[in-house]
Amino acid sequence: MAQVPQTFLDALAVRTWCGLALRALGRAREEIDAINVYPVADGDTGTNLYLTLESAATAVEAVFAGYETGRAEPALADAVRAMAHGALIGARGNSGTILAQLLRGMAQVLAEAGDAPHTDGPALRLALRRAADSARRAVAHPVEGTVLTVASAAADAAEGAEGDCGTVARAAYEGARTALAATPGQLAVLGRAGVVDAGGRGLVAVLGALVEACTGEAVREIPRAPAGALPRTAGSGSDGPARAAAEGAAQDGPEGVPCAEGADGPAFEVIYLLEADDAAVSRLRARLDALGDSLVVVGGDGLWNVHVHVDDAGAAVEAGVEAGRPYRIRITHFGLGDVHTGRERPPRARAQRAVVAVVPGEGLAGLYAEAGATTVLARPGEPPASGELVQAVRRAHAREVVLLPNDAELRHTAAAAAEQARAEGVRVALIPTRSAVQGIAALAVHEPERRFDEDVVQMTSAAGATRYAEVVVAEHESWTSAGVCQAGDVLGLIDGDVAVIGTDVTATARTLLDRMLQAGGELVTLVVGDEAPQAVAAHLETHVREAYLAVDTTAYRGGRQGTLLLIGVE
């Protein structure tokens, strides 16, 4: 009899696992969203899990792409650390936050292999146990019948399996499947709705992908619930199971977290990444637990992802400031009639047309929002994934959408998002804006009352007629189209190419602007970043007024936008 080959988990298997898990969550996303009645019936658990895994997969791909020549692949430790870090910084919602901690728990054990190329079944058993235990510790008040229960069952089943990684992974998967089926009997809100836990359903899909990555064999698909059995989310205008479930969930918090007693939950959801030490985070947990409910804090080694529901959002952010450095702060208001309260709200009418734009800083996000656009914030070094753009299109809730990526590097990402949105029945036009100032020009001529094609043509024309430039600081010595620059030099780029190398921000910006206006122009737009000299905008406005009599200038504060200054000339 032929001997069955042993299976191991190495860096390539981790990469494969992330890809397979992303595809599995992509297939199941709508189903998981539909059965999402706990903690609140807001229909986004599948989407949040997908976005979290997408961030993890992107981080792993970056490790492979950047690995030194001469070695076939990175070590297992490199891949699992990247996976965990990517999930942590990209975690979305309660379910994604807990998934990030599960992956971090696994990585802590698997990374102990050091430079070893792979690990074995016993190590995978330990990793699954660490994952379940660390996720449970991260949740302030665990409740059974949630993804935490499914994770613990997977670890229990794995501990009883003797063999290689494939054997252990399959045992964990089967244990998770069995536990998932039992969740309606453990959590009343699930039982009333007749569904399993949405977060647990997503975890089963991720574990199924792990089995396939280890063995090459696909697992049994979890049968999809019949369409009539899937509850509608609160706000859909229907009575029945979903409404009862939402009312029951109003007293519950995120996956595994009970909310305070009462019909209404806190007014705000606050989420942020936090750089802080362990002692400060311990104090932060106690303070946030007293401020609100639904508290989940995941991470470690100085970087944490914090999630809480509170009535005083400012106090939750201030607590983070006292603990360390919070950033990527997201505050969501649970308005009257929101699913968090369990009250039904009238369905929102779908708009005819909307604009969705990627913006590089908080200042521009406010400007675009005032103009009626739905925005996606792209912070320095953190470009949005296609799933985030698709989610923004859904938030816009329109039949027709104009998509402004505002970055040449986001062209393919935006194209993928547009295709996904079209598959969901939305008419999408992608205008290939390469800078936020081109987006401003396009938005300025946007007229929702025009025919869609005419509006897109006018917006595209305005964007194309806008030359763009930026002022940045060189990070290292390099060759450029304007000569050799040194680290710390001030660079002026026109349409993406270095045109000016200088030592002073204001002087470089003035030279850059003069070169742009040599070709003519009627309007100069300045977007000033937080790190630029305070007087730079006033200096440039005065210069234009004195040297170019027929040219108008307008200036905006861009916030933390990754560049010192953005310039647009129309």
Protein backbone atom coordinates (compact mmCIF):
# COMPACT_ATOMS: atom_id res chain seq x y z
CA MET A 1 0.00 0.00 0.00
CA ALA A 2 1.34 3.42 -0.94
CA GLN A 3 2.20 5.61 1.99
CA VAL A 4 0.17 8.79 2.35
CA PRO A 5 2.55 11.80 2.20
CA GLN A 6 2.83 13.93 5.31
CA THR A 7 1.46 17.46 5.03
CA PHE A 8 3.14 20.49 6.56
CA LEU A 9 2.36 24.15 6.90
CA ASP A 10 4.94 26.42 5.27
CA ALA A 11 4.99 29.98 3.93
CA LEU A 12 3.57 28.94 0.56
CA ALA A 13 0.73 27.09 2.31
CA VAL A 14 -0.04 30.22 4.35
CA ARG A 15 -0.16 32.23 1.14
CA THR A 16 -2.45 29.62 -0.42
CA TRP A 17 -4.61 29.55 2.70
CA CYS A 18 -5.14 33.32 2.57
CA GLY A 19 -6.10 33.17 -1.10
CA LEU A 20 -8.49 30.26 -0.63
CA ALA A 21 -10.05 31.82 2.48
CA LEU A 22 -10.57 35.10 0.63
CA ARG A 23 -12.33 33.31 -2.21
CA ALA A 24 -14.43 31.27 0.23
CA LEU A 25 -15.53 34.40 2.10
CA GLY A 26 -16.20 36.11 -1.22
CA ARG A 27 -18.55 33.30 -2.21
CA ALA A 28 -20.27 33.26 1.18
CA ARG A 29 -20.23 37.02 1.87
CA GLU A 30 -23.82 37.75 0.86
CA GLU A 31 -25.10 34.70 2.72
CA ILE A 32 -23.21 35.65 5.88
CA ASP A 33 -24.39 39.25 5.63
CA ALA A 34 -27.96 38.00 5.29
CA ILE A 35 -27.87 35.84 8.46
CA ASN A 36 -26.17 38.60 10.49
CA VAL A 37 -28.76 39.20 13.23
CA TYR A 38 -26.29 39.29 16.14
CA PRO A 39 -24.99 41.48 17.70
CA VAL A 40 -26.96 43.93 15.54
CA ALA A 41 -28.88 43.12 12.40
CA ASP A 42 -26.78 45.39 10.21
CA GLY A 43 -25.93 42.85 7.53
CA ASP A 44 -22.17 43.41 7.31
CA THR A 45 -20.44 40.48 9.05
CA GLY A 46 -19.54 38.72 5.78
CA THR A 47 -18.25 41.94 4.27
CA ASN A 48 -16.19 42.78 7.36
CA LEU A 49 -14.64 39.32 7.45
CA TYR A 50 -13.81 39.57 3.76
CA LEU A 51 -12.14 42.98 4.12
CA THR A 52 -10.13 41.79 7.13
CA LEU A 53 -8.90 38.70 5.29
CA GLU A 54 -8.17 40.77 2.19
CA SER A 55 -5.83 42.94 4.27
CA ALA A 56 -4.12 39.82 5.65
CA ALA A 57 -3.70 38.31 2.19
CA THR A 58 -2.28 41.57 0.82
CA ALA A 59 0.33 41.65 3.59
CA VAL A 60 1.41 38.08 2.84
CA GLU A 61 1.67 38.84 -0.88
CA ALA A 62 3.91 41.82 -0.03
CA VAL A 63 6.27 39.50 1.87
CA PHE A 64 6.61 37.21 -1.14
CA ALA A 65 6.99 40.12 -3.58
CA GLY A 66 9.68 41.78 -1.52
CA TYR A 67 11.73 38.74 -0.56
CA GLU A 68 15.39 38.69 -1.45
CA THR A 69 16.51 36.99 -4.64
CA GLY A 70 18.09 33.58 -4.32
CA ARG A 71 15.65 32.03 -1.87
CA ALA A 72 12.55 30.21 -3.07
CA GLU A 73 10.20 31.66 -0.47
CA PRO A 74 10.17 33.37 2.92
CA ALA A 75 10.22 31.44 6.16
CA LEU A 76 6.96 30.35 7.74
CA ALA A 77 7.47 32.90 10.52
CA ASP A 78 7.67 35.76 7.99
CA ALA A 79 4.39 34.75 6.35
CA VAL A 80 2.35 34.22 9.52
CA ARG A 81 3.57 37.46 11.11
CA ALA A 82 2.59 39.36 7.96
CA MET A 83 -0.81 37.64 7.91
CA ALA A 84 -1.51 38.58 11.52
CA HIS A 85 -0.30 42.16 11.13
CA GLY A 86 -2.29 42.68 7.94
CA ALA A 87 -5.45 41.39 9.61
CA LEU A 88 -4.89 43.61 12.65
CA ILE A 89 -4.49 46.87 10.75
CA GLY A 90 -7.27 46.01 8.31
CA ALA A 91 -9.80 44.56 10.77
CA ARG A 92 -13.37 45.68 10.12
CA GLY A 93 -16.22 45.42 12.57
CA ASN A 94 -16.60 43.08 15.50
CA SER A 95 -16.22 39.90 13.49
CA GLY A 96 -13.12 41.12 11.67
CA THR A 97 -11.53 42.29 14.91
CA ILE A 98 -11.97 38.86 16.47
CA LEU A 99 -10.73 37.11 13.32
CA ALA A 100 -7.61 39.27 13.50
CA GLN A 101 -6.97 38.09 17.05
CA LEU A 102 -7.51 34.46 16.05
CA LEU A 103 -4.89 34.81 13.31
CA ARG A 104 -2.56 36.60 15.71
CA GLY A 105 -2.88 33.79 18.24
CA MET A 106 -1.98 31.24 15.59
CA ALA A 107 0.95 33.34 14.39
CA GLN A 108 2.40 33.60 17.89
CA VAL A 109 2.85 29.82 17.98
CA LEU A 110 3.74 29.21 14.33
CA ALA A 111 6.35 32.00 14.31
CA GLU A 112 8.27 30.12 17.01
CA ALA A 113 9.57 27.98 14.16
CA GLY A 114 12.00 30.84 13.45
CA ASP A 115 13.80 30.29 10.15
CA ALA A 116 12.42 26.76 9.82
CA PRO A 117 10.68 26.27 6.47
CA HIS A 118 7.59 24.56 7.87
CA THR A 119 5.79 23.26 10.93
CA ASP A 120 3.93 20.06 11.82
CA GLY A 121 0.61 18.82 13.21
CA PRO A 122 1.38 19.23 16.93
CA ALA A 123 2.40 22.87 16.38
CA LEU A 124 -0.81 23.53 14.45
CA ARG A 125 -2.80 22.05 17.35
CA LEU A 126 -1.09 24.46 19.75
CA ALA A 127 -1.68 27.36 17.34
CA LEU A 128 -5.41 26.69 17.14
CA ARG A 129 -5.62 26.48 20.94
CA ARG A 130 -3.72 29.74 21.36
CA ALA A 131 -5.96 31.38 18.77
CA ALA A 132 -9.19 30.43 20.55
CA ASP A 133 -7.92 31.35 24.00
CA SER A 134 -6.46 34.72 22.98
CA ALA A 135 -9.62 35.73 21.11
CA ARG A 136 -11.72 34.91 24.16
CA ARG A 137 -9.43 36.98 26.40
CA ALA A 138 -9.69 39.93 24.00
CA VAL A 139 -13.46 40.15 24.43
CA ALA A 140 -14.55 41.95 27.58
CA HIS A 141 -17.60 39.75 28.33
CA PRO A 142 -17.66 36.52 26.27
CA VAL A 143 -20.98 34.84 25.47
CA GLU A 144 -21.50 31.32 24.14
CA GLY A 145 -23.11 30.69 20.78
CA THR A 146 -20.79 33.07 18.93
CA VAL A 147 -17.62 32.81 16.87
CA LEU A 148 -15.75 32.39 20.17
CA THR A 149 -17.62 29.15 20.80
CA VAL A 150 -16.89 27.91 17.28
CA ALA A 151 -13.18 28.73 17.66
CA SER A 152 -12.96 26.90 20.99
CA ALA A 153 -14.68 23.84 19.51
CA ALA A 154 -12.23 23.84 16.61
CA ALA A 155 -9.31 23.90 19.04
CA ASP A 156 -10.85 21.13 21.17
CA ALA A 157 -11.32 18.90 18.13
CA ALA A 158 -7.79 19.59 16.92
CA GLU A 159 -6.34 18.55 20.29
CA GLY A 160 -7.88 15.13 19.85
CA ALA A 161 -6.34 14.62 16.41
CA GLU A 162 -3.05 12.78 15.98
CA GLY A 163 -1.24 13.29 12.73
CA ASP A 164 0.07 15.87 10.30
CA CYS A 165 -1.21 19.37 9.57
CA GLY A 166 -3.86 18.13 7.18
CA THR A 167 -5.29 15.76 9.78
CA VAL A 168 -5.32 18.45 12.47
CA ALA A 169 -6.85 21.07 10.17
CA ARG A 170 -9.61 18.70 9.06
CA ALA A 171 -10.45 17.81 12.67
CA ALA A 172 -10.64 21.51 13.56
CA TYR A 173 -12.91 22.17 10.58
CA GLU A 174 -15.30 19.36 11.46
CA GLY A 175 -15.37 20.46 15.10
CA ALA A 176 -16.18 24.01 14.03
CA ARG A 177 -18.97 22.80 11.71
CA THR A 178 -20.58 20.86 14.51
CA ALA A 179 -20.32 23.79 16.93
CA LEU A 180 -21.74 26.19 14.35
CA ALA A 181 -24.82 24.05 13.87
CA ALA A 182 -25.45 24.21 17.64
CA THR A 183 -25.25 28.01 17.96
CA PRO A 184 -29.02 28.65 17.52
CA GLY A 185 -29.61 26.61 20.65
CA GLN A 186 -27.03 28.58 22.63
CA LEU A 187 -28.01 32.14 21.76
CA ALA A 188 -31.70 33.05 21.86
CA VAL A 189 -31.49 35.74 19.17
CA LEU A 190 -30.17 33.15 16.69
CA GLY A 191 -32.83 30.64 17.65
CA ARG A 192 -35.62 33.16 17.11
CA ALA A 193 -34.29 34.03 13.67
CA GLY A 194 -33.59 30.41 12.75
CA VAL A 195 -29.98 31.06 11.73
CA VAL A 196 -26.49 30.13 12.85
CA ASP A 197 -23.98 32.70 14.09
CA ALA A 198 -22.68 34.76 11.17
CA GLY A 199 -19.16 35.21 12.58
CA GLY A 200 -18.91 31.50 13.28
CA ARG A 201 -20.08 30.74 9.75
CA GLY A 202 -17.24 32.88 8.43
CA LEU A 203 -14.68 31.13 10.65
CA VAL A 204 -15.80 27.74 9.33
CA ALA A 205 -15.13 28.99 5.80
CA VAL A 206 -11.64 30.13 6.83
CA LEU A 207 -10.88 26.74 8.45
CA GLY A 208 -12.17 24.94 5.37
CA ALA A 209 -9.66 26.90 3.32
CA LEU A 210 -6.91 25.83 5.76
CA VAL A 211 -7.78 22.18 5.13
CA GLU A 212 -7.57 22.68 1.37
CA ALA A 213 -4.27 24.60 1.68
CA CYS A 214 -2.74 21.73 3.70
CA THR A 215 -4.15 18.77 1.75
CA GLY A 216 -5.10 20.06 -1.68
CA GLU A 217 -8.58 18.66 -1.13
CA ALA A 218 -11.66 20.88 -0.96
CA VAL A 219 -13.93 20.39 2.05
CA ARG A 220 -17.66 19.87 2.05
CA GLU A 221 -19.42 23.15 1.41
CA ILE A 222 -21.80 24.28 4.13
CA PRO A 223 -25.29 24.16 2.58
CA ARG A 224 -26.68 27.60 1.85
CA ALA A 225 -29.85 28.46 3.71
CA PRO A 226 -32.91 28.59 1.44
CA ALA A 227 -33.80 32.12 0.39
CA GLY A 228 -37.02 32.09 2.39
CA ALA A 229 -35.12 31.20 5.56
CA LEU A 230 -32.72 34.11 5.36
CA PRO A 231 -33.85 36.96 7.61
CA ARG A 232 -33.99 40.51 6.38
CA THR A 233 -32.03 43.08 8.26
CA ALA A 234 -33.78 45.61 10.41
CA GLY A 235 -34.86 48.57 8.35
CA SER A 236 -35.99 46.38 5.46
CA GLY A 237 -39.58 47.20 6.23
CA SER A 238 -40.56 43.62 7.10
CA ASP A 239 -41.83 42.05 10.28
CA GLY A 240 -41.11 38.52 11.40
CA PRO A 241 -37.89 36.74 12.44
CA ALA A 242 -35.43 39.49 11.58
CA ARG A 243 -37.35 42.10 13.50
CA ALA A 244 -37.64 39.84 16.54
CA ALA A 245 -33.98 39.00 16.23
CA ALA A 246 -32.99 42.63 16.02
CA GLU A 247 -35.06 43.45 19.07
CA GLY A 248 -33.38 40.64 20.95
CA ALA A 249 -29.97 41.73 19.73
CA ALA A 250 -30.55 45.23 21.01
CA GLN A 251 -29.44 43.98 24.41
CA ASP A 252 -26.36 42.24 23.03
CA GLY A 253 -22.97 43.55 22.00
CA PRO A 254 -20.43 42.39 19.41
CA GLU A 255 -19.56 38.76 18.82
CA GLY A 256 -19.58 37.30 22.31
CA VAL A 257 -20.24 40.57 24.15
CA PRO A 258 -23.44 41.46 26.00
CA CYS A 259 -24.57 45.08 25.97
CA ALA A 260 -26.03 46.92 28.93
CA GLU A 261 -29.62 46.30 29.92
CA GLY A 262 -32.31 48.36 28.23
CA ALA A 263 -34.01 48.79 24.91
CA ASP A 264 -31.46 51.17 23.48
CA GLY A 265 -27.74 50.69 23.09
CA PRO A 266 -25.06 53.38 23.20
CA ALA A 267 -25.14 56.09 20.54
CA PHE A 268 -21.72 55.57 18.95
CA GLU A 269 -19.38 52.84 17.76
CA VAL A 270 -15.74 53.89 18.15
CA ILE A 271 -12.87 51.98 16.53
CA TYR A 272 -9.21 52.92 16.29
CA LEU A 273 -5.71 51.53 16.00
CA LEU A 274 -3.58 52.35 19.02
CA GLU A 275 0.17 52.43 19.62
CA ALA A 276 0.62 51.80 23.36
CA ASP A 277 2.35 49.51 25.86
CA ASP A 278 0.63 46.64 27.68
CA ALA A 279 0.22 48.49 30.98
CA ALA A 280 -1.48 51.45 29.31
CA VAL A 281 -3.82 49.15 27.41
CA SER A 282 -4.78 47.36 30.63
CA ARG A 283 -5.85 50.71 32.10
CA LEU A 284 -7.60 51.60 28.86
CA ARG A 285 -9.67 48.40 28.96
CA ALA A 286 -10.94 49.24 32.44
CA ARG A 287 -11.80 52.81 31.48
CA LEU A 288 -13.60 51.90 28.24
CA ASP A 289 -15.49 49.09 29.96
CA ALA A 290 -16.86 51.68 32.38
CA LEU A 291 -17.71 54.11 29.56
CA GLY A 292 -19.76 51.70 27.44
CA ASP A 293 -20.11 48.14 26.26
CA SER A 294 -19.22 45.84 23.36
CA LEU A 295 -15.55 46.23 24.22
CA VAL A 296 -13.00 44.26 22.21
CA VAL A 297 -9.27 45.05 22.32
CA VAL A 298 -6.98 42.90 20.18
CA GLY A 299 -3.30 43.02 19.27
CA GLY A 300 -0.07 43.29 21.20
CA ASP A 301 3.62 44.18 20.81
CA GLY A 302 2.73 47.86 20.93
CA LEU A 303 -0.08 47.87 18.32
CA TRP A 304 -3.74 47.34 19.20
CA ASN A 305 -7.15 47.49 17.55
CA VAL A 306 -9.78 48.97 19.89
CA HIS A 307 -13.55 48.64 19.48
CA VAL A 308 -16.26 49.92 21.86
CA HIS A 309 -19.85 51.22 21.86
CA VAL A 310 -20.32 54.38 23.94
CA ASP A 311 -22.55 57.41 24.37
CA ASP A 312 -19.55 59.75 24.63
CA ALA A 313 -17.36 59.14 21.57
CA GLY A 314 -15.01 61.95 22.56
CA ALA A 315 -14.29 60.34 25.91
CA ALA A 316 -13.47 57.03 24.21
CA VAL A 317 -10.99 58.72 21.89
CA GLU A 318 -9.50 60.77 24.76
CA ALA A 319 -8.96 57.54 26.67
CA GLY A 320 -6.95 56.29 23.71
CA VAL A 321 -4.91 59.50 23.63
CA GLU A 322 -4.06 59.05 27.31
CA ALA A 323 -3.01 55.45 26.66
CA GLY A 324 -0.87 56.13 23.61
CA ARG A 325 -1.30 57.26 20.00
CA PRO A 326 -4.67 56.43 18.44
CA TYR A 327 -5.09 56.71 14.66
CA ARG A 328 -7.37 55.43 11.88
CA ILE A 329 -10.21 56.55 14.14
CA ARG A 330 -13.71 55.58 12.95
CA ILE A 331 -16.80 56.87 14.74
CA THR A 332 -20.23 55.63 13.64
CA HIS A 333 -23.41 57.18 15.00
CA PHE A 334 -26.21 54.76 15.73
CA GLY A 335 -28.99 57.18 14.80
CA LEU A 336 -32.60 56.94 15.85
CA GLY A 337 -34.05 53.83 14.33
CA ASP A 338 -30.66 52.30 13.56
CA VAL A 339 -30.38 48.54 13.76
CA HIS A 340 -28.35 48.88 16.96
CA THR A 341 -31.46 49.99 18.84
CA GLY A 342 -33.61 47.20 17.49
CA ARG A 343 -36.19 49.67 16.19
CA GLU A 344 -37.42 49.38 12.64
CA ARG A 345 -36.64 52.30 10.38
CA PRO A 346 -38.22 53.20 7.05
CA PRO A 347 -36.22 52.00 4.05
CA ARG A 348 -33.98 54.66 2.55
CA ALA A 349 -34.90 55.48 -1.03
CA ARG A 350 -32.18 54.74 -3.56
CA ALA A 351 -30.70 57.91 -5.05
CA GLN A 352 -30.40 58.25 -8.80
CA ARG A 353 -26.72 59.22 -8.83
CA ALA A 354 -23.80 59.53 -6.43
CA VAL A 355 -20.07 60.20 -6.46
CA VAL A 356 -17.66 57.94 -4.57
CA ALA A 357 -14.15 59.32 -4.11
CA VAL A 358 -10.90 58.18 -2.50
CA VAL A 359 -9.32 61.06 -0.57
CA PRO A 360 -5.86 61.23 1.05
CA GLY A 361 -6.63 63.17 4.25
CA GLU A 362 -9.31 64.10 6.75
CA GLY A 363 -9.48 67.69 5.51
CA LEU A 364 -10.28 66.68 1.96
CA ALA A 365 -12.70 64.05 3.20
CA GLY A 366 -14.72 66.83 4.79
CA LEU A 367 -14.53 68.97 1.65
CA TYR A 368 -15.69 66.13 -0.61
CA ALA A 369 -18.46 65.17 1.82
CA GLU A 370 -19.73 68.76 1.86
CA ALA A 371 -19.95 68.54 -1.93
CA GLY A 372 -22.12 65.44 -1.58
CA ALA A 373 -19.57 62.71 -2.28
CA THR A 374 -19.25 59.44 -0.40
CA THR A 375 -15.61 59.22 0.65
CA VAL A 376 -13.04 56.51 1.32
CA LEU A 377 -10.09 57.75 3.36
CA ALA A 378 -6.65 56.62 2.13
CA ARG A 379 -4.03 57.29 4.77
CA PRO A 380 -0.30 57.37 3.95
CA GLY A 381 0.92 53.85 3.25
CA GLU A 382 -2.57 52.39 3.66
CA PRO A 383 -4.31 52.36 0.26
CA PRO A 384 -7.90 51.12 0.34
CA ALA A 385 -8.72 47.65 -0.93
CA SER A 386 -11.29 47.00 -3.65
CA GLY A 387 -13.73 45.71 -1.05
CA GLU A 388 -13.67 49.07 0.73
CA LEU A 389 -14.55 50.83 -2.51
CA VAL A 390 -17.40 48.39 -3.14
CA GLN A 391 -18.66 49.00 0.37
CA ALA A 392 -18.58 52.76 -0.27
CA VAL A 393 -20.61 52.27 -3.46
CA ARG A 394 -23.17 50.35 -1.43
CA ARG A 395 -23.22 53.12 1.18
CA ALA A 396 -23.90 55.67 -1.54
CA HIS A 397 -27.12 53.71 -2.25
CA ALA A 398 -27.56 54.99 -5.79
CA ARG A 399 -28.51 53.53 -9.15
CA GLU A 400 -25.63 55.33 -10.85
CA VAL A 401 -22.19 55.98 -9.35
CA VAL A 402 -19.21 58.00 -10.56
CA LEU A 403 -16.01 56.60 -9.02
CA LEU A 404 -12.98 58.87 -8.49
CA PRO A 405 -9.85 56.90 -7.37
CA ASN A 406 -7.68 60.09 -7.20
CA ASP A 407 -4.49 58.03 -7.39
CA ALA A 408 -2.82 56.40 -10.40
CA GLU A 409 -1.81 53.43 -8.19
CA LEU A 410 -5.47 52.69 -7.46
CA ARG A 411 -6.49 52.27 -11.07
CA HIS A 412 -6.71 48.47 -10.99
CA THR A 413 -8.24 48.43 -7.50
CA ALA A 414 -10.94 50.88 -8.59
CA ALA A 415 -11.58 48.92 -11.80
CA ALA A 416 -12.11 45.72 -9.78
CA ALA A 417 -14.49 47.54 -7.45
CA ALA A 418 -16.42 48.96 -10.40
CA GLU A 419 -16.84 45.49 -11.91
CA GLN A 420 -18.11 44.11 -8.60
CA ALA A 421 -20.58 46.97 -8.22
CA ARG A 422 -21.82 46.47 -11.78
CA ALA A 423 -22.40 42.80 -11.00
CA GLU A 424 -24.63 43.98 -8.15
CA GLY A 425 -26.75 46.04 -10.54
CA VAL A 426 -25.18 49.49 -10.11
CA ARG A 427 -24.25 51.55 -13.17
CA VAL A 428 -20.67 52.67 -12.50
CA ALA A 429 -18.42 55.04 -14.42
CA LEU A 430 -14.75 55.11 -13.44
CA ILE A 431 -13.00 58.42 -14.10
CA PRO A 432 -9.23 57.77 -13.88
CA THR A 433 -8.34 60.74 -11.68
CA ARG A 434 -4.72 60.57 -10.53
CA SER A 435 -4.83 63.23 -7.83
CA ALA A 436 -7.35 64.61 -5.36
CA VAL A 437 -7.14 68.02 -7.07
CA GLN A 438 -8.36 66.42 -10.31
CA GLY A 439 -11.21 64.96 -8.28
CA ILE A 440 -12.05 68.41 -6.95
CA ALA A 441 -12.23 69.73 -10.51
CA ALA A 442 -14.48 66.85 -11.57
CA LEU A 443 -16.75 67.30 -8.57
CA ALA A 444 -17.05 71.02 -9.27
CA VAL A 445 -18.81 70.39 -12.61
CA HIS A 446 -20.88 67.43 -11.42
CA GLU A 447 -24.60 67.91 -12.08
CA PRO A 448 -26.83 65.02 -10.93
CA GLU A 449 -29.72 66.29 -13.05
CA ARG A 450 -27.82 65.78 -16.33
CA ARG A 451 -27.95 62.54 -18.26
CA PHE A 452 -25.42 60.11 -16.78
CA ASP A 453 -23.23 59.92 -19.88
CA GLU A 454 -23.14 63.71 -20.26
CA ASP A 455 -22.26 64.17 -16.59
CA VAL A 456 -19.42 61.66 -16.85
CA VAL A 457 -18.06 63.36 -19.99
CA GLN A 458 -18.06 66.79 -18.32
CA MET A 459 -16.42 65.46 -15.14
CA THR A 460 -13.80 63.56 -17.14
CA SER A 461 -13.04 66.64 -19.21
CA ALA A 462 -12.61 68.83 -16.11
CA ALA A 463 -10.31 66.28 -14.47
CA GLY A 464 -8.25 65.86 -17.61
CA ALA A 465 -7.82 69.63 -17.97
CA THR A 466 -6.33 69.87 -14.48
CA ARG A 467 -2.58 69.46 -14.16
CA TYR A 468 -1.51 68.25 -10.74
CA ALA A 469 1.63 68.53 -8.67
CA GLU A 470 2.82 67.65 -5.20
CA VAL A 471 5.60 68.64 -2.84
CA VAL A 472 7.17 65.85 -0.78
CA VAL A 473 10.36 65.13 1.16
CA ALA A 474 12.76 62.54 -0.28
CA GLU A 475 13.18 59.51 1.97
CA HIS A 476 16.48 58.34 0.48
CA GLU A 477 19.04 59.11 -2.20
CA SER A 478 17.85 58.30 -5.71
CA TRP A 479 18.03 59.22 -9.37
CA THR A 480 15.15 61.35 -10.64
CA SER A 481 14.18 63.03 -13.90
CA ALA A 482 15.50 66.28 -12.38
CA GLY A 483 18.82 64.82 -11.20
CA VAL A 484 20.09 63.05 -8.07
CA CYS A 485 18.28 63.83 -4.82
CA GLN A 486 19.46 63.19 -1.28
CA ALA A 487 17.43 62.03 1.71
CA GLY A 488 15.71 65.08 3.18
CA ASP A 489 15.58 67.06 -0.08
CA VAL A 490 12.30 68.73 -0.99
CA LEU A 491 10.92 67.35 -4.26
CA GLY A 492 8.38 68.99 -6.55
CA LEU A 493 6.55 66.55 -8.83
CA ILE A 494 4.40 67.51 -11.84
CA ASP A 495 2.03 64.84 -13.12
CA GLY A 496 3.99 62.25 -11.15
CA ASP A 497 7.50 63.14 -12.38
CA VAL A 498 10.11 65.00 -10.32
CA ALA A 499 10.52 68.49 -11.80
CA VAL A 500 12.22 70.42 -8.97
CA ILE A 501 14.73 69.47 -6.28
CA GLY A 502 15.19 71.99 -3.48
CA THR A 503 15.91 72.46 0.21
CA ASP A 504 13.07 74.81 1.21
CA VAL A 505 9.40 73.84 0.99
CA THR A 506 8.05 77.31 0.15
CA ALA A 507 10.73 78.10 -2.43
CA THR A 508 10.35 74.70 -4.10
CA ALA A 509 6.57 75.06 -4.20
CA ARG A 510 6.86 78.54 -5.78
CA THR A 511 9.22 77.27 -8.49
CA LEU A 512 6.94 74.31 -9.12
CA LEU A 513 3.90 76.56 -9.46
CA ASP A 514 5.68 78.91 -11.86
CA ARG A 515 6.55 75.99 -14.14
CA MET A 516 2.95 74.83 -14.16
CA LEU A 517 1.57 78.31 -14.93
CA GLN A 518 3.98 78.76 -17.86
CA ALA A 519 1.53 76.63 -19.84
CA GLY A 520 -1.38 78.85 -18.75
CA GLY A 521 -4.16 78.43 -16.28
CA GLU A 522 -7.15 80.16 -14.72
CA LEU A 523 -7.45 78.59 -11.27
CA VAL A 524 -4.87 77.30 -8.80
CA THR A 525 -5.99 74.89 -6.07
CA LEU A 526 -3.73 74.37 -3.05
CA VAL A 527 -4.25 71.53 -0.56
CA VAL A 528 -1.91 71.96 2.40
CA GLY A 529 -0.89 69.01 4.56
CA ASP A 530 -0.41 69.13 8.33
CA GLU A 531 3.38 68.90 8.06
CA ALA A 532 3.78 71.83 5.63
CA PRO A 533 4.88 75.27 6.88
CA GLN A 534 1.84 77.22 8.04
CA ALA A 535 2.60 80.23 5.84
CA VAL A 536 3.14 78.35 2.58
CA ALA A 537 -0.42 78.78 1.29
CA ALA A 538 -0.50 82.51 2.05
CA HIS A 539 2.89 82.98 0.38
CA LEU A 540 1.80 81.16 -2.79
CA GLU A 541 -1.52 83.00 -2.94
CA THR A 542 0.30 86.33 -2.74
CA HIS A 543 2.80 85.22 -5.40
CA VAL A 544 0.04 84.21 -7.82
CA ARG A 545 -1.92 87.42 -7.18
CA GLU A 546 1.13 89.59 -7.93
CA ALA A 547 2.63 87.61 -10.83
CA TYR A 548 -0.45 86.21 -12.59
CA LEU A 549 -3.21 88.82 -12.60
CA ALA A 550 -5.86 86.68 -14.33
CA VAL A 551 -5.40 83.59 -12.13
CA ASP A 552 -7.54 82.86 -9.06
CA THR A 553 -6.33 80.81 -6.10
CA THR A 554 -8.18 78.72 -3.54
CA ALA A 555 -6.63 76.85 -0.61
CA TYR A 556 -7.77 73.99 1.64
CA ARG A 557 -6.36 72.18 4.67
CA GLY A 558 -5.76 68.56 3.76
CA GLY A 559 -4.82 67.12 7.15
CA ARG A 560 -2.53 64.08 7.28
CA GLN A 561 -2.47 63.48 3.53
CA GLY A 562 1.01 62.00 3.05
CA THR A 563 2.32 65.00 1.07
CA LEU A 564 3.27 68.50 2.18
CA LEU A 565 1.29 70.18 -0.59
CA LEU A 566 -0.99 69.28 -3.48
CA ILE A 567 -1.34 71.75 -6.35
CA GLY A 568 -3.90 71.77 -9.14
CA VAL A 569 -3.93 74.13 -12.12
CA GLU A 570 -6.99 74.37 -14.34
